[in-house]
Amino acid sequence: MGTTLARIKIGWLGWGLFGALLLVAVGAAGSLPTAAAIPPIAVQDSDVSGVAVALLDVKRTTGDTVTVRWEYRNTGAKPRELEKVGLNEADHYKMIAAAYVVDPANRKKYLIVRDSNNVPLGSRAANYRVPPNDTLGMWAKFPAPPANVQKISVYVPHAAPFEDVAMGK
């Protein structure tokens, strides 16, 4: 009994030391990989000076939907405020509510999926300020086009369309 208890205490102590060493190693290396470390599908200049828009991921997901992830990248030394767009000033979903995808083969536009309370399924933000040299990540769900459609165009606020984007699974 005493040996088992000693092993458990040493085990927890060992894990604690491992965690501390991991934190030191991460601090020395800079940081753990983030979404910015993942290569984007495409990057475009936005209509906001000093901000680029990176399309990160477009994939078919459960529930016959397509999930799109993108981010706004402030490459400048000053914070950038993304212009308010969408339904109204109180709408915390205004950026994603303005996004949509298009199935060019069937000439069909898909608006964001909404829940039973008419709330868009996607990112929610109290403001759309991007700090200097930082990013603002966004995501949204859309109805999926027919299964035979392999490419779509993605429209997000402040960027030209991302056209002919292959959908992952």
C-alpha atoms as a PDB file:
ATOM      1  CA  MET A   1       0.000   0.000   0.000  1.00  0.00           C
ATOM      2  CA  GLY A   2       2.748   2.461   0.971  1.00  0.00           C
ATOM      3  CA  THR A   3       4.712   1.629  -2.199  1.00  0.00           C
ATOM      4  CA  THR A   4       1.666   2.229  -4.413  1.00  0.00           C
ATOM      5  CA  LEU A   5       0.960   5.574  -2.745  1.00  0.00           C
ATOM      6  CA  ALA A   6       4.605   6.594  -3.170  1.00  0.00           C
ATOM      7  CA  ARG A   7       4.437   5.700  -6.871  1.00  0.00           C
ATOM      8  CA  ILE A   8       1.296   7.762  -7.332  1.00  0.00           C
ATOM      9  CA  LYS A   9       2.879  10.788  -5.627  1.00  0.00           C
ATOM     10  CA  ILE A  10       6.047  10.424  -7.681  1.00  0.00           C
ATOM     11  CA  GLY A  11       3.888   9.952 -10.791  1.00  0.00           C
ATOM     12  CA  TRP A  12       2.051  13.226 -10.199  1.00  0.00           C
ATOM     13  CA  LEU A  13       5.290  14.970  -9.336  1.00  0.00           C
ATOM     14  CA  GLY A  14       6.845  13.590 -12.517  1.00  0.00           C
ATOM     15  CA  TRP A  15       3.937  14.854 -14.621  1.00  0.00           C
ATOM     16  CA  GLY A  16       4.158  18.243 -12.926  1.00  0.00           C
ATOM     17  CA  LEU A  17       7.861  18.469 -13.760  1.00  0.00           C
ATOM     18  CA  PHE A  18       7.148  17.355 -17.333  1.00  0.00           C
ATOM     19  CA  GLY A  19       4.521  20.103 -17.677  1.00  0.00           C
ATOM     20  CA  ALA A  20       6.895  22.729 -16.290  1.00  0.00           C
ATOM     21  CA  LEU A  21       9.636  21.633 -18.694  1.00  0.00           C
ATOM     22  CA  LEU A  22       7.171  21.749 -21.581  1.00  0.00           C
ATOM     23  CA  LEU A  23       6.227  25.324 -20.681  1.00  0.00           C
ATOM     24  CA  VAL A  24       9.893  26.320 -20.555  1.00  0.00           C
ATOM     25  CA  ALA A  25      10.546  24.651 -23.919  1.00  0.00           C
ATOM     26  CA  VAL A  26       7.531  26.351 -25.524  1.00  0.00           C
ATOM     27  CA  GLY A  27       8.618  29.697 -24.097  1.00  0.00           C
ATOM     28  CA  ALA A  28      12.112  29.229 -25.483  1.00  0.00           C
ATOM     29  CA  ALA A  29      10.807  28.163 -28.901  1.00  0.00           C
ATOM     30  CA  GLY A  30       8.375  31.080 -29.171  1.00  0.00           C
ATOM     31  CA  SER A  31       4.957  29.436 -29.075  1.00  0.00           C
ATOM     32  CA  LEU A  32       2.943  26.437 -30.098  1.00  0.00           C
ATOM     33  CA  PRO A  33       1.703  26.351 -33.726  1.00  0.00           C
ATOM     34  CA  THR A  34      -1.368  28.497 -34.370  1.00  0.00           C
ATOM     35  CA  ALA A  35      -3.796  28.859 -37.237  1.00  0.00           C
ATOM     36  CA  ALA A  36      -1.363  31.386 -38.726  1.00  0.00           C
ATOM     37  CA  ALA A  37       1.276  28.627 -38.892  1.00  0.00           C
ATOM     38  CA  ILE A  38      -1.017  26.514 -41.088  1.00  0.00           C
ATOM     39  CA  PRO A  39      -0.531  27.461 -44.736  1.00  0.00           C
ATOM     40  CA  PRO A  40      -3.654  29.218 -46.034  1.00  0.00           C
ATOM     41  CA  ILE A  41      -5.487  28.184 -49.181  1.00  0.00           C
ATOM     42  CA  ALA A  42      -5.155  31.749 -50.490  1.00  0.00           C
ATOM     43  CA  VAL A  43      -4.394  35.264 -49.225  1.00  0.00           C
ATOM     44  CA  GLN A  44      -5.677  38.541 -50.641  1.00  0.00           C
ATOM     45  CA  ASP A  45      -5.325  42.195 -49.773  1.00  0.00           C
ATOM     46  CA  SER A  46      -8.478  43.544 -48.203  1.00  0.00           C
ATOM     47  CA  ASP A  47     -10.161  46.883 -48.703  1.00  0.00           C
ATOM     48  CA  VAL A  48      -8.822  47.899 -45.267  1.00  0.00           C
ATOM     49  CA  SER A  49      -5.302  49.322 -45.500  1.00  0.00           C
ATOM     50  CA  GLY A  50      -2.673  47.055 -43.924  1.00  0.00           C
ATOM     51  CA  VAL A  51      -5.028  44.072 -43.582  1.00  0.00           C
ATOM     52  CA  ALA A  52      -4.874  40.856 -45.597  1.00  0.00           C
ATOM     53  CA  VAL A  53      -7.561  38.177 -45.667  1.00  0.00           C
ATOM     54  CA  ALA A  54      -6.415  34.549 -45.518  1.00  0.00           C
ATOM     55  CA  LEU A  55      -8.741  31.696 -46.457  1.00  0.00           C
ATOM     56  CA  LEU A  56      -7.717  28.863 -44.126  1.00  0.00           C
ATOM     57  CA  ASP A  57     -10.117  25.977 -44.625  1.00  0.00           C
ATOM     58  CA  VAL A  58     -13.168  25.018 -46.682  1.00  0.00           C
ATOM     59  CA  LYS A  59     -14.607  21.579 -46.007  1.00  0.00           C
ATOM     60  CA  ARG A  60     -17.786  19.575 -46.093  1.00  0.00           C
ATOM     61  CA  THR A  61     -18.928  18.788 -42.574  1.00  0.00           C
ATOM     62  CA  THR A  62     -21.642  16.758 -40.892  1.00  0.00           C
ATOM     63  CA  GLY A  63     -25.223  17.885 -41.213  1.00  0.00           C
ATOM     64  CA  ASP A  64     -24.813  18.508 -44.965  1.00  0.00           C
ATOM     65  CA  THR A  65     -22.917  21.737 -44.352  1.00  0.00           C
ATOM     66  CA  VAL A  66     -19.711  23.427 -45.431  1.00  0.00           C
ATOM     67  CA  THR A  67     -17.500  25.038 -42.777  1.00  0.00           C
ATOM     68  CA  VAL A  68     -15.323  27.942 -43.894  1.00  0.00           C
ATOM     69  CA  ARG A  69     -12.503  29.398 -41.768  1.00  0.00           C
ATOM     70  CA  TRP A  70     -10.680  32.624 -42.593  1.00  0.00           C
ATOM     71  CA  GLU A  71      -8.728  35.300 -40.787  1.00  0.00           C
ATOM     72  CA  TYR A  72      -7.969  38.981 -41.073  1.00  0.00           C
ATOM     73  CA  ARG A  73      -4.235  39.665 -40.732  1.00  0.00           C
ATOM     74  CA  ASN A  74      -3.074  43.106 -39.646  1.00  0.00           C
ATOM     75  CA  THR A  75       0.443  43.499 -41.023  1.00  0.00           C
ATOM     76  CA  GLY A  76       0.853  47.059 -39.772  1.00  0.00           C
ATOM     77  CA  ALA A  77       1.952  48.775 -36.596  1.00  0.00           C
ATOM     78  CA  LYS A  78      -1.474  50.312 -35.817  1.00  0.00           C
ATOM     79  CA  PRO A  79      -4.712  48.593 -34.826  1.00  0.00           C
ATOM     80  CA  ARG A  80      -7.209  48.286 -37.677  1.00  0.00           C
ATOM     81  CA  GLU A  81     -10.963  48.488 -37.269  1.00  0.00           C
ATOM     82  CA  LEU A  82     -12.881  46.451 -39.809  1.00  0.00           C
ATOM     83  CA  GLU A  83     -15.886  48.360 -41.066  1.00  0.00           C
ATOM     84  CA  LYS A  84     -19.205  47.369 -39.584  1.00  0.00           C
ATOM     85  CA  VAL A  85     -21.273  45.337 -42.034  1.00  0.00           C
ATOM     86  CA  GLY A  86     -24.333  43.175 -41.676  1.00  0.00           C
ATOM     87  CA  LEU A  87     -27.765  43.308 -40.195  1.00  0.00           C
ATOM     88  CA  ASN A  88     -27.532  46.120 -37.634  1.00  0.00           C
ATOM     89  CA  GLU A  89     -25.087  47.775 -35.230  1.00  0.00           C
ATOM     90  CA  ALA A  90     -26.116  45.520 -32.309  1.00  0.00           C
ATOM     91  CA  ASP A  91     -25.531  42.317 -34.296  1.00  0.00           C
ATOM     92  CA  HIS A  92     -22.387  40.636 -32.932  1.00  0.00           C
ATOM     93  CA  TYR A  93     -22.458  38.347 -35.961  1.00  0.00           C
ATOM     94  CA  LYS A  94     -22.331  41.083 -38.594  1.00  0.00           C
ATOM     95  CA  MET A  95     -19.104  39.929 -40.255  1.00  0.00           C
ATOM     96  CA  ILE A  96     -20.140  36.319 -40.722  1.00  0.00           C
ATOM     97  CA  ALA A  97     -23.757  37.181 -41.562  1.00  0.00           C
ATOM     98  CA  ALA A  98     -22.439  39.040 -44.619  1.00  0.00           C
ATOM     99  CA  ALA A  99     -20.381  36.037 -45.824  1.00  0.00           C
ATOM    100  CA  TYR A 100     -21.698  33.522 -48.333  1.00  0.00           C
ATOM    101  CA  VAL A 101     -20.569  30.813 -50.738  1.00  0.00           C
ATOM    102  CA  VAL A 102     -21.507  30.267 -54.364  1.00  0.00           C
ATOM    103  CA  ASP A 103     -21.806  27.043 -56.327  1.00  0.00           C
ATOM    104  CA  PRO A 104     -20.717  28.392 -59.737  1.00  0.00           C
ATOM    105  CA  ALA A 105     -21.659  25.200 -61.602  1.00  0.00           C
ATOM    106  CA  ASN A 106     -25.329  25.503 -60.574  1.00  0.00           C
ATOM    107  CA  ARG A 107     -25.304  29.312 -60.165  1.00  0.00           C
ATOM    108  CA  LYS A 108     -26.571  29.083 -56.597  1.00  0.00           C
ATOM    109  CA  LYS A 109     -25.740  31.293 -53.619  1.00  0.00           C
ATOM    110  CA  TYR A 110     -25.735  29.815 -50.095  1.00  0.00           C
ATOM    111  CA  LEU A 111     -26.230  32.098 -47.103  1.00  0.00           C
ATOM    112  CA  ILE A 112     -24.989  31.272 -43.612  1.00  0.00           C
ATOM    113  CA  VAL A 113     -26.855  28.570 -41.677  1.00  0.00           C
ATOM    114  CA  ARG A 114     -28.930  29.949 -38.797  1.00  0.00           C
ATOM    115  CA  ASP A 115     -30.230  28.243 -35.672  1.00  0.00           C
ATOM    116  CA  SER A 116     -33.853  28.118 -34.487  1.00  0.00           C
ATOM    117  CA  ASN A 117     -33.443  31.604 -32.971  1.00  0.00           C
ATOM    118  CA  ASN A 118     -32.200  32.983 -36.311  1.00  0.00           C
ATOM    119  CA  VAL A 119     -28.640  33.335 -34.960  1.00  0.00           C
ATOM    120  CA  PRO A 120     -25.920  32.724 -37.578  1.00  0.00           C
ATOM    121  CA  LEU A 121     -23.711  29.668 -36.955  1.00  0.00           C
ATOM    122  CA  GLY A 122     -20.227  31.091 -36.826  1.00  0.00           C
ATOM    123  CA  SER A 123     -17.869  33.500 -35.131  1.00  0.00           C
ATOM    124  CA  ARG A 124     -19.202  36.023 -32.675  1.00  0.00           C
ATOM    125  CA  ALA A 125     -17.249  39.155 -31.857  1.00  0.00           C
ATOM    126  CA  ALA A 126     -17.958  42.186 -29.707  1.00  0.00           C
ATOM    127  CA  ASN A 127     -15.771  44.293 -31.995  1.00  0.00           C
ATOM    128  CA  TYR A 128     -13.835  43.865 -35.165  1.00  0.00           C
ATOM    129  CA  ARG A 129     -10.545  45.437 -34.178  1.00  0.00           C
ATOM    130  CA  VAL A 130      -7.386  43.670 -35.303  1.00  0.00           C
ATOM    131  CA  PRO A 131      -4.365  44.559 -33.112  1.00  0.00           C
ATOM    132  CA  PRO A 132      -1.037  45.380 -34.786  1.00  0.00           C
ATOM    133  CA  ASN A 133       0.779  42.334 -36.186  1.00  0.00           C
ATOM    134  CA  ASP A 134      -2.082  40.083 -35.092  1.00  0.00           C
ATOM    135  CA  THR A 135      -5.043  38.219 -36.555  1.00  0.00           C
ATOM    136  CA  LEU A 136      -8.793  37.955 -36.138  1.00  0.00           C
ATOM    137  CA  GLY A 137     -10.022  34.425 -36.885  1.00  0.00           C
ATOM    138  CA  MET A 138     -13.516  33.819 -38.243  1.00  0.00           C
ATOM    139  CA  TRP A 139     -15.609  30.778 -39.174  1.00  0.00           C
ATOM    140  CA  ALA A 140     -19.068  30.129 -40.577  1.00  0.00           C
ATOM    141  CA  LYS A 141     -21.303  27.225 -41.642  1.00  0.00           C
ATOM    142  CA  PHE A 142     -23.196  27.161 -44.931  1.00  0.00           C
ATOM    143  CA  PRO A 143     -25.546  24.651 -46.555  1.00  0.00           C
ATOM    144  CA  ALA A 144     -23.549  22.220 -48.686  1.00  0.00           C
ATOM    145  CA  PRO A 145     -24.030  22.229 -52.432  1.00  0.00           C
ATOM    146  CA  PRO A 146     -24.849  18.898 -54.137  1.00  0.00           C
ATOM    147  CA  ALA A 147     -22.293  16.112 -53.614  1.00  0.00           C
ATOM    148  CA  ASN A 148     -21.060  16.308 -57.212  1.00  0.00           C
ATOM    149  CA  VAL A 149     -19.931  19.925 -56.703  1.00  0.00           C
ATOM    150  CA  GLN A 150     -16.210  19.906 -55.895  1.00  0.00           C
ATOM    151  CA  LYS A 151     -15.381  23.648 -56.008  1.00  0.00           C
ATOM    152  CA  ILE A 152     -17.101  26.749 -54.694  1.00  0.00           C
ATOM    153  CA  SER A 153     -16.421  30.462 -54.484  1.00  0.00           C
ATOM    154  CA  VAL A 154     -16.160  32.028 -51.017  1.00  0.00           C
ATOM    155  CA  TYR A 155     -17.231  35.613 -50.346  1.00  0.00           C
ATOM    156  CA  VAL A 156     -16.222  37.228 -47.048  1.00  0.00           C
ATOM    157  CA  PRO A 157     -16.412  40.903 -46.098  1.00  0.00           C
ATOM    158  CA  HIS A 158     -13.472  43.121 -47.056  1.00  0.00           C
ATOM    159  CA  ALA A 159     -12.040  40.756 -49.686  1.00  0.00           C
ATOM    160  CA  ALA A 160     -12.442  39.935 -53.331  1.00  0.00           C
ATOM    161  CA  PRO A 161     -14.008  36.509 -53.918  1.00  0.00           C
ATOM    162  CA  PHE A 162     -11.905  33.408 -53.358  1.00  0.00           C
ATOM    163  CA  GLU A 163     -12.887  31.556 -56.516  1.00  0.00           C
ATOM    164  CA  ASP A 164     -12.742  27.894 -57.510  1.00  0.00           C
ATOM    165  CA  VAL A 165     -11.846  26.672 -54.011  1.00  0.00           C
ATOM    166  CA  ALA A 166     -11.779  22.900 -53.624  1.00  0.00           C
ATOM    167  CA  MET A 167     -13.798  21.625 -50.676  1.00  0.00           C
ATOM    168  CA  GLY A 168     -12.032  19.259 -48.314  1.00  0.00           C
ATOM    169  CA  LYS A 169     -13.717  16.492 -46.351  1.00  0.00           C
END
